[in-house]
Amino acid sequence: LSGVTTYYADSVKGRFTISRDNAKNTVYLQM
């Protein structure tokens, strides 16, 4: 909810980053 904890599939760990902006109701995936 707050973005403090993230989980990743093993295949993308270290390459992808998930983040969110609750003020914009948006979630991101940097690949």
mmCIF file of all heavy atoms, coordinates in Angstrom:
data_MODEL
# 
_entry.id   MODEL 
# 
loop_
_atom_site.group_PDB 
_atom_site.id 
_atom_site.type_symbol 
_atom_site.label_atom_id 
_atom_site.label_alt_id 
_atom_site.label_comp_id 
_atom_site.label_asym_id 
_atom_site.label_entity_id 
_atom_site.label_seq_id 
_atom_site.pdbx_PDB_ins_code 
_atom_site.Cartn_x 
_atom_site.Cartn_y 
_atom_site.Cartn_z 
_atom_site.occupancy 
_atom_site.B_iso_or_equiv 
_atom_site.pdbx_formal_charge 
_atom_site.auth_seq_id 
_atom_site.auth_comp_id 
_atom_site.auth_asym_id 
_atom_site.auth_atom_id 
_atom_site.pdbx_PDB_model_num 
ATOM 1   N N   . LEU A 1 1  ? 0.804  -1.215  0.000   1.00 0.00 ? 1  LEU A N   1 
ATOM 2   C CA  . LEU A 1 1  ? 0.000  0.000   0.000   1.00 0.00 ? 1  LEU A CA  1 
ATOM 3   C C   . LEU A 1 1  ? 0.843  1.275   0.000   1.00 0.00 ? 1  LEU A C   1 
ATOM 4   O O   . LEU A 1 1  ? 0.590  2.196   -0.796  1.00 0.00 ? 1  LEU A O   1 
ATOM 5   C CB  . LEU A 1 1  ? -0.938 0.012   1.205   1.00 0.00 ? 1  LEU A CB  1 
ATOM 6   C CG  . LEU A 1 1  ? -1.828 -1.203  1.411   1.00 0.00 ? 1  LEU A CG  1 
ATOM 7   C CD1 . LEU A 1 1  ? -2.808 -0.940  2.541   1.00 0.00 ? 1  LEU A CD1 1 
ATOM 8   C CD2 . LEU A 1 1  ? -2.551 -1.577  0.142   1.00 0.00 ? 1  LEU A CD2 1 
ATOM 9   N N   . SER A 1 2  ? 1.832  1.322   0.865   1.00 0.00 ? 2  SER A N   1 
ATOM 10  C CA  . SER A 1 2  ? 2.657  2.527   0.975   1.00 0.00 ? 2  SER A CA  1 
ATOM 11  C C   . SER A 1 2  ? 3.851  2.517   0.045   1.00 0.00 ? 2  SER A C   1 
ATOM 12  O O   . SER A 1 2  ? 4.550  3.522   -0.078  1.00 0.00 ? 2  SER A O   1 
ATOM 13  C CB  . SER A 1 2  ? 3.145  2.682   2.415   1.00 0.00 ? 2  SER A CB  1 
ATOM 14  O OG  . SER A 1 2  ? 3.971  1.591   2.744   1.00 0.00 ? 2  SER A OG  1 
ATOM 15  N N   . GLY A 1 3  ? 4.074  1.378   -0.591  1.00 0.00 ? 3  GLY A N   1 
ATOM 16  C CA  . GLY A 1 3  ? 5.212  1.249   -1.487  1.00 0.00 ? 3  GLY A CA  1 
ATOM 17  C C   . GLY A 1 3  ? 6.500  0.823   -0.806  1.00 0.00 ? 3  GLY A C   1 
ATOM 18  O O   . GLY A 1 3  ? 7.529  0.726   -1.457  1.00 0.00 ? 3  GLY A O   1 
ATOM 19  N N   . VAL A 1 4  ? 6.439  0.548   0.475   1.00 0.00 ? 4  VAL A N   1 
ATOM 20  C CA  . VAL A 1 4  ? 7.648  0.187   1.215   1.00 0.00 ? 4  VAL A CA  1 
ATOM 21  C C   . VAL A 1 4  ? 8.151  -1.196  0.840   1.00 0.00 ? 4  VAL A C   1 
ATOM 22  O O   . VAL A 1 4  ? 9.364  -1.430  0.737   1.00 0.00 ? 4  VAL A O   1 
ATOM 23  C CB  . VAL A 1 4  ? 7.381  0.264   2.731   1.00 0.00 ? 4  VAL A CB  1 
ATOM 24  C CG1 . VAL A 1 4  ? 8.546  -0.315  3.513   1.00 0.00 ? 4  VAL A CG1 1 
ATOM 25  C CG2 . VAL A 1 4  ? 7.116  1.703   3.150   1.00 0.00 ? 4  VAL A CG2 1 
ATOM 26  N N   . THR A 1 5  ? 7.218  -2.130  0.611   1.00 0.00 ? 5  THR A N   1 
ATOM 27  C CA  . THR A 1 5  ? 7.596  -3.515  0.330   1.00 0.00 ? 5  THR A CA  1 
ATOM 28  C C   . THR A 1 5  ? 7.246  -3.879  -1.101  1.00 0.00 ? 5  THR A C   1 
ATOM 29  O O   . THR A 1 5  ? 6.145  -3.573  -1.575  1.00 0.00 ? 5  THR A O   1 
ATOM 30  C CB  . THR A 1 5  ? 6.887  -4.477  1.289   1.00 0.00 ? 5  THR A CB  1 
ATOM 31  O OG1 . THR A 1 5  ? 7.185  -4.089  2.644   1.00 0.00 ? 5  THR A OG1 1 
ATOM 32  C CG2 . THR A 1 5  ? 7.363  -5.908  1.066   1.00 0.00 ? 5  THR A CG2 1 
ATOM 33  N N   . THR A 1 6  ? 8.175  -4.532  -1.763  1.00 0.00 ? 6  THR A N   1 
ATOM 34  C CA  . THR A 1 6  ? 7.973  -4.958  -3.143  1.00 0.00 ? 6  THR A CA  1 
ATOM 35  C C   . THR A 1 6  ? 8.329  -6.436  -3.286  1.00 0.00 ? 6  THR A C   1 
ATOM 36  O O   . THR A 1 6  ? 9.111  -6.977  -2.498  1.00 0.00 ? 6  THR A O   1 
ATOM 37  C CB  . THR A 1 6  ? 8.825  -4.130  -4.115  1.00 0.00 ? 6  THR A CB  1 
ATOM 38  O OG1 . THR A 1 6  ? 10.197 -4.204  -3.709  1.00 0.00 ? 6  THR A OG1 1 
ATOM 39  C CG2 . THR A 1 6  ? 8.383  -2.677  -4.123  1.00 0.00 ? 6  THR A CG2 1 
ATOM 40  N N   . TYR A 1 7  ? 7.748  -7.055  -4.274  1.00 0.00 ? 7  TYR A N   1 
ATOM 41  C CA  . TYR A 1 7  ? 7.978  -8.470  -4.571  1.00 0.00 ? 7  TYR A CA  1 
ATOM 42  C C   . TYR A 1 7  ? 8.246  -8.591  -6.064  1.00 0.00 ? 7  TYR A C   1 
ATOM 43  O O   . TYR A 1 7  ? 7.609  -7.896  -6.865  1.00 0.00 ? 7  TYR A O   1 
ATOM 44  C CB  . TYR A 1 7  ? 6.758  -9.317  -4.193  1.00 0.00 ? 7  TYR A CB  1 
ATOM 45  C CG  . TYR A 1 7  ? 6.375  -9.224  -2.744  1.00 0.00 ? 7  TYR A CG  1 
ATOM 46  C CD1 . TYR A 1 7  ? 5.564  -8.189  -2.291  1.00 0.00 ? 7  TYR A CD1 1 
ATOM 47  C CD2 . TYR A 1 7  ? 6.810  -10.163 -1.830  1.00 0.00 ? 7  TYR A CD2 1 
ATOM 48  C CE1 . TYR A 1 7  ? 5.211  -8.084  -0.956  1.00 0.00 ? 7  TYR A CE1 1 
ATOM 49  C CE2 . TYR A 1 7  ? 6.451  -10.077 -0.488  1.00 0.00 ? 7  TYR A CE2 1 
ATOM 50  C CZ  . TYR A 1 7  ? 5.662  -9.035  -0.061  1.00 0.00 ? 7  TYR A CZ  1 
ATOM 51  O OH  . TYR A 1 7  ? 5.310  -8.947  1.261   1.00 0.00 ? 7  TYR A OH  1 
ATOM 52  N N   . TYR A 1 8  ? 9.152  -9.495  -6.432  1.00 0.00 ? 8  TYR A N   1 
ATOM 53  C CA  . TYR A 1 8  ? 9.510  -9.671  -7.830  1.00 0.00 ? 8  TYR A CA  1 
ATOM 54  C C   . TYR A 1 8  ? 9.616  -11.152 -8.182  1.00 0.00 ? 8  TYR A C   1 
ATOM 55  O O   . TYR A 1 8  ? 10.038 -11.965 -7.363  1.00 0.00 ? 8  TYR A O   1 
ATOM 56  C CB  . TYR A 1 8  ? 10.856 -8.996  -8.137  1.00 0.00 ? 8  TYR A CB  1 
ATOM 57  C CG  . TYR A 1 8  ? 10.838 -7.497  -7.967  1.00 0.00 ? 8  TYR A CG  1 
ATOM 58  C CD1 . TYR A 1 8  ? 11.250 -6.901  -6.786  1.00 0.00 ? 8  TYR A CD1 1 
ATOM 59  C CD2 . TYR A 1 8  ? 10.386 -6.673  -9.003  1.00 0.00 ? 8  TYR A CD2 1 
ATOM 60  C CE1 . TYR A 1 8  ? 11.224 -5.525  -6.627  1.00 0.00 ? 8  TYR A CE1 1 
ATOM 61  C CE2 . TYR A 1 8  ? 10.353 -5.302  -8.846  1.00 0.00 ? 8  TYR A CE2 1 
ATOM 62  C CZ  . TYR A 1 8  ? 10.769 -4.734  -7.654  1.00 0.00 ? 8  TYR A CZ  1 
ATOM 63  O OH  . TYR A 1 8  ? 10.732 -3.370  -7.512  1.00 0.00 ? 8  TYR A OH  1 
ATOM 64  N N   . ALA A 1 9  ? 9.283  -11.451 -9.413  1.00 0.00 ? 9  ALA A N   1 
ATOM 65  C CA  . ALA A 1 9  ? 9.585  -12.772 -9.941  1.00 0.00 ? 9  ALA A CA  1 
ATOM 66  C C   . ALA A 1 9  ? 11.100 -12.887 -10.070 1.00 0.00 ? 9  ALA A C   1 
ATOM 67  O O   . ALA A 1 9  ? 11.797 -11.908 -10.343 1.00 0.00 ? 9  ALA A O   1 
ATOM 68  C CB  . ALA A 1 9  ? 8.912  -12.953 -11.299 1.00 0.00 ? 9  ALA A CB  1 
ATOM 69  N N   . ASP A 1 10 ? 11.603 -14.097 -9.889  1.00 0.00 ? 10 ASP A N   1 
ATOM 70  C CA  . ASP A 1 10 ? 13.053 -14.308 -9.962  1.00 0.00 ? 10 ASP A CA  1 
ATOM 71  C C   . ASP A 1 10 ? 13.612 -13.872 -11.310 1.00 0.00 ? 10 ASP A C   1 
ATOM 72  O O   . ASP A 1 10 ? 14.742 -13.385 -11.393 1.00 0.00 ? 10 ASP A O   1 
ATOM 73  C CB  . ASP A 1 10 ? 13.380 -15.786 -9.725  1.00 0.00 ? 10 ASP A CB  1 
ATOM 74  C CG  . ASP A 1 10 ? 13.175 -16.207 -8.283  1.00 0.00 ? 10 ASP A CG  1 
ATOM 75  O OD1 . ASP A 1 10 ? 13.118 -15.315 -7.402  1.00 0.00 ? 10 ASP A OD1 1 
ATOM 76  O OD2 . ASP A 1 10 ? 13.079 -17.416 -8.040  1.00 0.00 ? 10 ASP A OD2 1 
ATOM 77  N N   . SER A 1 11 ? 12.823 -14.017 -12.348 1.00 0.00 ? 11 SER A N   1 
ATOM 78  C CA  . SER A 1 11 ? 13.292 -13.726 -13.697 1.00 0.00 ? 11 SER A CA  1 
ATOM 79  C C   . SER A 1 11 ? 13.526 -12.237 -13.938 1.00 0.00 ? 11 SER A C   1 
ATOM 80  O O   . SER A 1 11 ? 14.200 -11.869 -14.905 1.00 0.00 ? 11 SER A O   1 
ATOM 81  C CB  . SER A 1 11 ? 12.294 -14.254 -14.724 1.00 0.00 ? 11 SER A CB  1 
ATOM 82  O OG  . SER A 1 11 ? 11.016 -13.670 -14.518 1.00 0.00 ? 11 SER A OG  1 
ATOM 83  N N   . VAL A 1 12 ? 12.973 -11.375 -13.087 1.00 0.00 ? 12 VAL A N   1 
ATOM 84  C CA  . VAL A 1 12 ? 13.126 -9.935  -13.307 1.00 0.00 ? 12 VAL A CA  1 
ATOM 85  C C   . VAL A 1 12 ? 13.855 -9.227  -12.175 1.00 0.00 ? 12 VAL A C   1 
ATOM 86  O O   . VAL A 1 12 ? 14.124 -8.017  -12.274 1.00 0.00 ? 12 VAL A O   1 
ATOM 87  C CB  . VAL A 1 12 ? 11.755 -9.260  -13.532 1.00 0.00 ? 12 VAL A CB  1 
ATOM 88  C CG1 . VAL A 1 12 ? 10.994 -9.966  -14.642 1.00 0.00 ? 12 VAL A CG1 1 
ATOM 89  C CG2 . VAL A 1 12 ? 10.933 -9.209  -12.251 1.00 0.00 ? 12 VAL A CG2 1 
ATOM 90  N N   . LYS A 1 13 ? 14.182 -9.941  -11.121 1.00 0.00 ? 13 LYS A N   1 
ATOM 91  C CA  . LYS A 1 13 ? 14.876 -9.324  -9.984  1.00 0.00 ? 13 LYS A CA  1 
ATOM 92  C C   . LYS A 1 13 ? 16.181 -8.669  -10.425 1.00 0.00 ? 13 LYS A C   1 
ATOM 93  O O   . LYS A 1 13 ? 16.950 -9.243  -11.187 1.00 0.00 ? 13 LYS A O   1 
ATOM 94  C CB  . LYS A 1 13 ? 15.169 -10.372 -8.914  1.00 0.00 ? 13 LYS A CB  1 
ATOM 95  C CG  . LYS A 1 13 ? 14.009 -10.666 -8.006  1.00 0.00 ? 13 LYS A CG  1 
ATOM 96  C CD  . LYS A 1 13 ? 14.394 -11.707 -6.953  1.00 0.00 ? 13 LYS A CD  1 
ATOM 97  C CE  . LYS A 1 13 ? 13.209 -12.066 -6.080  1.00 0.00 ? 13 LYS A CE  1 
ATOM 98  N NZ  . LYS A 1 13 ? 13.529 -13.144 -5.124  1.00 0.00 ? 13 LYS A NZ  1 
ATOM 99  N N   . GLY A 1 14 ? 16.394 -7.448  -9.951  1.00 0.00 ? 14 GLY A N   1 
ATOM 100 C CA  . GLY A 1 14 ? 17.602 -6.726  -10.294 1.00 0.00 ? 14 GLY A CA  1 
ATOM 101 C C   . GLY A 1 14 ? 17.504 -5.961  -11.605 1.00 0.00 ? 14 GLY A C   1 
ATOM 102 O O   . GLY A 1 14 ? 18.378 -5.148  -11.910 1.00 0.00 ? 14 GLY A O   1 
ATOM 103 N N   . ARG A 1 15 ? 16.449 -6.205  -12.377 1.00 0.00 ? 15 ARG A N   1 
ATOM 104 C CA  . ARG A 1 15 ? 16.282 -5.514  -13.661 1.00 0.00 ? 15 ARG A CA  1 
ATOM 105 C C   . ARG A 1 15 ? 15.034 -4.633  -13.673 1.00 0.00 ? 15 ARG A C   1 
ATOM 106 O O   . ARG A 1 15 ? 15.031 -3.585  -14.306 1.00 0.00 ? 15 ARG A O   1 
ATOM 107 C CB  . ARG A 1 15 ? 16.184 -6.530  -14.802 1.00 0.00 ? 15 ARG A CB  1 
ATOM 108 C CG  . ARG A 1 15 ? 17.400 -7.414  -14.954 1.00 0.00 ? 15 ARG A CG  1 
ATOM 109 C CD  . ARG A 1 15 ? 17.312 -8.261  -16.221 1.00 0.00 ? 15 ARG A CD  1 
ATOM 110 N NE  . ARG A 1 15 ? 16.175 -9.170  -16.228 1.00 0.00 ? 15 ARG A NE  1 
ATOM 111 C CZ  . ARG A 1 15 ? 15.221 -9.153  -17.163 1.00 0.00 ? 15 ARG A CZ  1 
ATOM 112 N NH1 . ARG A 1 15 ? 15.267 -8.283  -18.159 1.00 0.00 ? 15 ARG A NH1 1 
ATOM 113 N NH2 . ARG A 1 15 ? 14.226 -10.032 -17.101 1.00 0.00 ? 15 ARG A NH2 1 
ATOM 114 N N   . PHE A 1 16 ? 13.978 -5.076  -13.003 1.00 0.00 ? 16 PHE A N   1 
ATOM 115 C CA  . PHE A 1 16 ? 12.714 -4.335  -12.980 1.00 0.00 ? 16 PHE A CA  1 
ATOM 116 C C   . PHE A 1 16 ? 12.496 -3.708  -11.608 1.00 0.00 ? 16 PHE A C   1 
ATOM 117 O O   . PHE A 1 16 ? 12.908 -4.268  -10.588 1.00 0.00 ? 16 PHE A O   1 
ATOM 118 C CB  . PHE A 1 16 ? 11.539 -5.280  -13.263 1.00 0.00 ? 16 PHE A CB  1 
ATOM 119 C CG  . PHE A 1 16 ? 11.456 -5.798  -14.670 1.00 0.00 ? 16 PHE A CG  1 
ATOM 120 C CD1 . PHE A 1 16 ? 12.485 -5.633  -15.584 1.00 0.00 ? 16 PHE A CD1 1 
ATOM 121 C CD2 . PHE A 1 16 ? 10.300 -6.465  -15.091 1.00 0.00 ? 16 PHE A CD2 1 
ATOM 122 C CE1 . PHE A 1 16 ? 12.408 -6.115  -16.869 1.00 0.00 ? 16 PHE A CE1 1 
ATOM 123 C CE2 . PHE A 1 16 ? 10.193 -6.959  -16.383 1.00 0.00 ? 16 PHE A CE2 1 
ATOM 124 C CZ  . PHE A 1 16 ? 11.254 -6.795  -17.267 1.00 0.00 ? 16 PHE A CZ  1 
ATOM 125 N N   . THR A 1 17 ? 11.823 -2.551  -11.600 1.00 0.00 ? 17 THR A N   1 
ATOM 126 C CA  . THR A 1 17 ? 11.480 -1.876  -10.353 1.00 0.00 ? 17 THR A CA  1 
ATOM 127 C C   . THR A 1 17 ? 10.041 -1.411  -10.408 1.00 0.00 ? 17 THR A C   1 
ATOM 128 O O   . THR A 1 17 ? 9.646  -0.702  -11.336 1.00 0.00 ? 17 THR A O   1 
ATOM 129 C CB  . THR A 1 17 ? 12.391 -0.664  -10.108 1.00 0.00 ? 17 THR A CB  1 
ATOM 130 O OG1 . THR A 1 17 ? 13.758 -1.077  -10.084 1.00 0.00 ? 17 THR A OG1 1 
ATOM 131 C CG2 . THR A 1 17 ? 12.042 -0.006  -8.775  1.00 0.00 ? 17 THR A CG2 1 
ATOM 132 N N   . ILE A 1 18 ? 9.260  -1.832  -9.426  1.00 0.00 ? 18 ILE A N   1 
ATOM 133 C CA  . ILE A 1 18 ? 7.873  -1.395  -9.330  1.00 0.00 ? 18 ILE A CA  1 
ATOM 134 C C   . ILE A 1 18 ? 7.795  -0.234  -8.341  1.00 0.00 ? 18 ILE A C   1 
ATOM 135 O O   . ILE A 1 18 ? 8.507  -0.213  -7.329  1.00 0.00 ? 18 ILE A O   1 
ATOM 136 C CB  . ILE A 1 18 ? 6.952  -2.557  -8.899  1.00 0.00 ? 18 ILE A CB  1 
ATOM 137 C CG1 . ILE A 1 18 ? 5.484  -2.146  -8.973  1.00 0.00 ? 18 ILE A CG1 1 
ATOM 138 C CG2 . ILE A 1 18 ? 7.314  -3.077  -7.519  1.00 0.00 ? 18 ILE A CG2 1 
ATOM 139 C CD1 . ILE A 1 18 ? 4.502  -3.305  -8.764  1.00 0.00 ? 18 ILE A CD1 1 
ATOM 140 N N   . SER A 1 19 ? 6.929  0.731   -8.655  1.00 0.00 ? 19 SER A N   1 
ATOM 141 C CA  . SER A 1 19 ? 6.725  1.862   -7.758  1.00 0.00 ? 19 SER A CA  1 
ATOM 142 C C   . SER A 1 19 ? 5.292  2.342   -7.926  1.00 0.00 ? 19 SER A C   1 
ATOM 143 O O   . SER A 1 19 ? 4.586  1.911   -8.841  1.00 0.00 ? 19 SER A O   1 
ATOM 144 C CB  . SER A 1 19 ? 7.707  2.993   -8.065  1.00 0.00 ? 19 SER A CB  1 
ATOM 145 O OG  . SER A 1 19 ? 7.539  3.475   -9.376  1.00 0.00 ? 19 SER A OG  1 
ATOM 146 N N   . ARG A 1 20 ? 4.863  3.219   -7.030  1.00 0.00 ? 20 ARG A N   1 
ATOM 147 C CA  . ARG A 1 20 ? 3.498  3.719   -7.121  1.00 0.00 ? 20 ARG A CA  1 
ATOM 148 C C   . ARG A 1 20 ? 3.446  5.160   -6.652  1.00 0.00 ? 20 ARG A C   1 
ATOM 149 O O   . ARG A 1 20 ? 4.251  5.602   -5.843  1.00 0.00 ? 20 ARG A O   1 
ATOM 150 C CB  . ARG A 1 20 ? 2.548  2.847   -6.297  1.00 0.00 ? 20 ARG A CB  1 
ATOM 151 C CG  . ARG A 1 20 ? 2.778  2.888   -4.804  1.00 0.00 ? 20 ARG A CG  1 
ATOM 152 C CD  . ARG A 1 20 ? 1.932  1.812   -4.092  1.00 0.00 ? 20 ARG A CD  1 
ATOM 153 N NE  . ARG A 1 20 ? 0.512  2.048   -4.245  1.00 0.00 ? 20 ARG A NE  1 
ATOM 154 C CZ  . ARG A 1 20 ? -0.422 1.098   -4.023  1.00 0.00 ? 20 ARG A CZ  1 
ATOM 155 N NH1 . ARG A 1 20 ? -0.054 -0.125  -3.660  1.00 0.00 ? 20 ARG A NH1 1 
ATOM 156 N NH2 . ARG A 1 20 ? -1.704 1.381   -4.161  1.00 0.00 ? 20 ARG A NH2 1 
ATOM 157 N N   . ASP A 1 21 ? 2.435  5.869   -7.166  1.00 0.00 ? 21 ASP A N   1 
ATOM 158 C CA  . ASP A 1 21 ? 2.151  7.231   -6.751  1.00 0.00 ? 21 ASP A CA  1 
ATOM 159 C C   . ASP A 1 21 ? 0.686  7.256   -6.362  1.00 0.00 ? 21 ASP A C   1 
ATOM 160 O O   . ASP A 1 21 ? -0.194 7.323   -7.241  1.00 0.00 ? 21 ASP A O   1 
ATOM 161 C CB  . ASP A 1 21 ? 2.445  8.212   -7.883  1.00 0.00 ? 21 ASP A CB  1 
ATOM 162 C CG  . ASP A 1 21 ? 2.289  9.657   -7.458  1.00 0.00 ? 21 ASP A CG  1 
ATOM 163 O OD1 . ASP A 1 21 ? 1.561  9.928   -6.478  1.00 0.00 ? 21 ASP A OD1 1 
ATOM 164 O OD2 . ASP A 1 21 ? 2.881  10.530  -8.117  1.00 0.00 ? 21 ASP A OD2 1 
ATOM 165 N N   . ASN A 1 22 ? 0.416  7.207   -5.078  1.00 0.00 ? 22 ASN A N   1 
ATOM 166 C CA  . ASN A 1 22 ? -0.978 7.133   -4.627  1.00 0.00 ? 22 ASN A CA  1 
ATOM 167 C C   . ASN A 1 22 ? -1.756 8.418   -4.915  1.00 0.00 ? 22 ASN A C   1 
ATOM 168 O O   . ASN A 1 22 ? -2.975 8.392   -5.044  1.00 0.00 ? 22 ASN A O   1 
ATOM 169 C CB  . ASN A 1 22 ? -1.017 6.810   -3.137  1.00 0.00 ? 22 ASN A CB  1 
ATOM 170 C CG  . ASN A 1 22 ? -0.654 5.356   -2.848  1.00 0.00 ? 22 ASN A CG  1 
ATOM 171 O OD1 . ASN A 1 22 ? -0.697 4.509   -3.737  1.00 0.00 ? 22 ASN A OD1 1 
ATOM 172 N ND2 . ASN A 1 22 ? -0.268 5.073   -1.609  1.00 0.00 ? 22 ASN A ND2 1 
ATOM 173 N N   . ALA A 1 23 ? -1.064 9.525   -5.019  1.00 0.00 ? 23 ALA A N   1 
ATOM 174 C CA  . ALA A 1 23 ? -1.741 10.787  -5.348  1.00 0.00 ? 23 ALA A CA  1 
ATOM 175 C C   . ALA A 1 23 ? -2.237 10.798  -6.789  1.00 0.00 ? 23 ALA A C   1 
ATOM 176 O O   . ALA A 1 23 ? -3.201 11.494  -7.117  1.00 0.00 ? 23 ALA A O   1 
ATOM 177 C CB  . ALA A 1 23 ? -0.797 11.953  -5.113  1.00 0.00 ? 23 ALA A CB  1 
ATOM 178 N N   . LYS A 1 24 ? -1.597 10.002  -7.631  1.00 0.00 ? 24 LYS A N   1 
ATOM 179 C CA  . LYS A 1 24 ? -1.977 9.941   -9.044  1.00 0.00 ? 24 LYS A CA  1 
ATOM 180 C C   . LYS A 1 24 ? -2.687 8.638   -9.392  1.00 0.00 ? 24 LYS A C   1 
ATOM 181 O O   . LYS A 1 24 ? -2.996 8.406   -10.570 1.00 0.00 ? 24 LYS A O   1 
ATOM 182 C CB  . LYS A 1 24 ? -0.735 10.085  -9.923  1.00 0.00 ? 24 LYS A CB  1 
ATOM 183 C CG  . LYS A 1 24 ? -0.041 11.438  -9.811  1.00 0.00 ? 24 LYS A CG  1 
ATOM 184 C CD  . LYS A 1 24 ? 1.142  11.519  -10.753 1.00 0.00 ? 24 LYS A CD  1 
ATOM 185 C CE  . LYS A 1 24 ? 1.819  12.896  -10.666 1.00 0.00 ? 24 LYS A CE  1 
ATOM 186 N NZ  . LYS A 1 24 ? 2.989  12.998  -11.584 1.00 0.00 ? 24 LYS A NZ  1 
ATOM 187 N N   . ASN A 1 25 ? -2.920 7.800   -8.403  1.00 0.00 ? 25 ASN A N   1 
ATOM 188 C CA  . ASN A 1 25 ? -3.576 6.502   -8.652  1.00 0.00 ? 25 ASN A CA  1 
ATOM 189 C C   . ASN A 1 25 ? -2.867 5.723   -9.754  1.00 0.00 ? 25 ASN A C   1 
ATOM 190 O O   . ASN A 1 25 ? -3.510 5.125   -10.629 1.00 0.00 ? 25 ASN A O   1 
ATOM 191 C CB  . ASN A 1 25 ? -5.055 6.692   -9.016  1.00 0.00 ? 25 ASN A CB  1 
ATOM 192 C CG  . ASN A 1 25 ? -5.909 7.070   -7.820  1.00 0.00 ? 25 ASN A CG  1 
ATOM 193 O OD1 . ASN A 1 25 ? -5.401 7.273   -6.725  1.00 0.00 ? 25 ASN A OD1 1 
ATOM 194 N ND2 . ASN A 1 25 ? -7.198 7.176   -8.031  1.00 0.00 ? 25 ASN A ND2 1 
ATOM 195 N N   . THR A 1 26 ? -1.565 5.724   -9.704  1.00 0.00 ? 26 THR A N   1 
ATOM 196 C CA  . THR A 1 26 ? -0.776 5.130   -10.775 1.00 0.00 ? 26 THR A CA  1 
ATOM 197 C C   . THR A 1 26 ? 0.331  4.247   -10.205 1.00 0.00 ? 26 THR A C   1 
ATOM 198 O O   . THR A 1 26 ? 0.974  4.604   -9.216  1.00 0.00 ? 26 THR A O   1 
ATOM 199 C CB  . THR A 1 26 ? -0.163 6.222   -11.662 1.00 0.00 ? 26 THR A CB  1 
ATOM 200 O OG1 . THR A 1 26 ? -1.223 7.018   -12.221 1.00 0.00 ? 26 THR A OG1 1 
ATOM 201 C CG2 . THR A 1 26 ? 0.641  5.611   -12.800 1.00 0.00 ? 26 THR A CG2 1 
ATOM 202 N N   . VAL A 1 27 ? 0.527  3.113   -10.869 1.00 0.00 ? 27 VAL A N   1 
ATOM 203 C CA  . VAL A 1 27 ? 1.625  2.220   -10.541 1.00 0.00 ? 27 VAL A CA  1 
ATOM 204 C C   . VAL A 1 27 ? 2.524  2.117   -11.764 1.00 0.00 ? 27 VAL A C   1 
ATOM 205 O O   . VAL A 1 27 ? 2.043  2.166   -12.904 1.00 0.00 ? 27 VAL A O   1 
ATOM 206 C CB  . VAL A 1 27 ? 1.107  0.835   -10.092 1.00 0.00 ? 27 VAL A CB  1 
ATOM 207 C CG1 . VAL A 1 27 ? 0.303  0.154   -11.177 1.00 0.00 ? 27 VAL A CG1 1 
ATOM 208 C CG2 . VAL A 1 27 ? 2.244  -0.050  -9.601  1.00 0.00 ? 27 VAL A CG2 1 
ATOM 209 N N   . TYR A 1 28 ? 3.824  2.008   -11.511 1.00 0.00 ? 28 TYR A N   1 
ATOM 210 C CA  . TYR A 1 28 ? 4.808  2.009   -12.587 1.00 0.00 ? 28 TYR A CA  1 
ATOM 211 C C   . TYR A 1 28 ? 5.631  0.728   -12.556 1.00 0.00 ? 28 TYR A C   1 
ATOM 212 O O   . TYR A 1 28 ? 5.765  0.069   -11.528 1.00 0.00 ? 28 TYR A O   1 
ATOM 213 C CB  . TYR A 1 28 ? 5.755  3.203   -12.442 1.00 0.00 ? 28 TYR A CB  1 
ATOM 214 C CG  . TYR A 1 28 ? 5.070  4.536   -12.363 1.00 0.00 ? 28 TYR A CG  1 
ATOM 215 C CD1 . TYR A 1 28 ? 4.785  5.140   -11.135 1.00 0.00 ? 28 TYR A CD1 1 
ATOM 216 C CD2 . TYR A 1 28 ? 4.684  5.208   -13.520 1.00 0.00 ? 28 TYR A CD2 1 
ATOM 217 C CE1 . TYR A 1 28 ? 4.153  6.364   -11.055 1.00 0.00 ? 28 TYR A CE1 1 
ATOM 218 C CE2 . TYR A 1 28 ? 4.047  6.448   -13.448 1.00 0.00 ? 28 TYR A CE2 1 
ATOM 219 C CZ  . TYR A 1 28 ? 3.778  7.007   -12.207 1.00 0.00 ? 28 TYR A CZ  1 
ATOM 220 O OH  . TYR A 1 28 ? 3.144  8.217   -12.149 1.00 0.00 ? 28 TYR A OH  1 
ATOM 221 N N   . LEU A 1 29 ? 6.202  0.422   -13.721 1.00 0.00 ? 29 LEU A N   1 
ATOM 222 C CA  . LEU A 1 29 ? 7.157  -0.668  -13.802 1.00 0.00 ? 29 LEU A CA  1 
ATOM 223 C C   . LEU A 1 29 ? 8.325  -0.204  -14.673 1.00 0.00 ? 29 LEU A C   1 
ATOM 224 O O   . LEU A 1 29 ? 8.163  -0.065  -15.884 1.00 0.00 ? 29 LEU A O   1 
ATOM 225 C CB  . LEU A 1 29 ? 6.522  -1.930  -14.395 1.00 0.00 ? 29 LEU A CB  1 
ATOM 226 C CG  . LEU A 1 29 ? 7.410  -3.178  -14.361 1.00 0.00 ? 29 LEU A CG  1 
ATOM 227 C CD1 . LEU A 1 29 ? 7.647  -3.633  -12.924 1.00 0.00 ? 29 LEU A CD1 1 
ATOM 228 C CD2 . LEU A 1 29 ? 6.780  -4.305  -15.183 1.00 0.00 ? 29 LEU A CD2 1 
ATOM 229 N N   . GLN A 1 30 ? 9.441  0.054   -14.029 1.00 0.00 ? 30 GLN A N   1 
ATOM 230 C CA  . GLN A 1 30 ? 10.649 0.427   -14.755 1.00 0.00 ? 30 GLN A CA  1 
ATOM 231 C C   . GLN A 1 30 ? 11.372 -0.853  -15.132 1.00 0.00 ? 30 GLN A C   1 
ATOM 232 O O   . GLN A 1 30 ? 11.711 -1.664  -14.263 1.00 0.00 ? 30 GLN A O   1 
ATOM 233 C CB  . GLN A 1 30 ? 11.547 1.298   -13.870 1.00 0.00 ? 30 GLN A CB  1 
ATOM 234 C CG  . GLN A 1 30 ? 12.870 1.675   -14.511 1.00 0.00 ? 30 GLN A CG  1 
ATOM 235 C CD  . GLN A 1 30 ? 12.716 2.576   -15.709 1.00 0.00 ? 30 GLN A CD  1 
ATOM 236 O OE1 . GLN A 1 30 ? 11.948 3.537   -15.685 1.00 0.00 ? 30 GLN A OE1 1 
ATOM 237 N NE2 . GLN A 1 30 ? 13.438 2.283   -16.785 1.00 0.00 ? 30 GLN A NE2 1 
ATOM 238 N N   . MET A 1 31 ? 11.600 -1.029  -16.424 1.00 0.00 ? 31 MET A N   1 
ATOM 239 C CA  . MET A 1 31 ? 12.212 -2.259  -16.928 1.00 0.00 ? 31 MET A CA  1 
ATOM 240 C C   . MET A 1 31 ? 13.533 -1.922  -17.592 1.00 0.00 ? 31 MET A C   1 
ATOM 241 O O   . MET A 1 31 ? 13.553 -1.196  -18.593 1.00 0.00 ? 31 MET A O   1 
ATOM 242 C CB  . MET A 1 31 ? 11.270 -2.948  -17.913 1.00 0.00 ? 31 MET A CB  1 
ATOM 243 C CG  . MET A 1 31 ? 9.876  -3.205  -17.347 1.00 0.00 ? 31 MET A CG  1 
ATOM 244 S SD  . MET A 1 31 ? 8.844  -4.191  -18.440 1.00 0.00 ? 31 MET A SD  1 
ATOM 245 C CE  . MET A 1 31 ? 8.714  -3.096  -19.846 1.00 0.00 ? 31 MET A CE  1 
# 
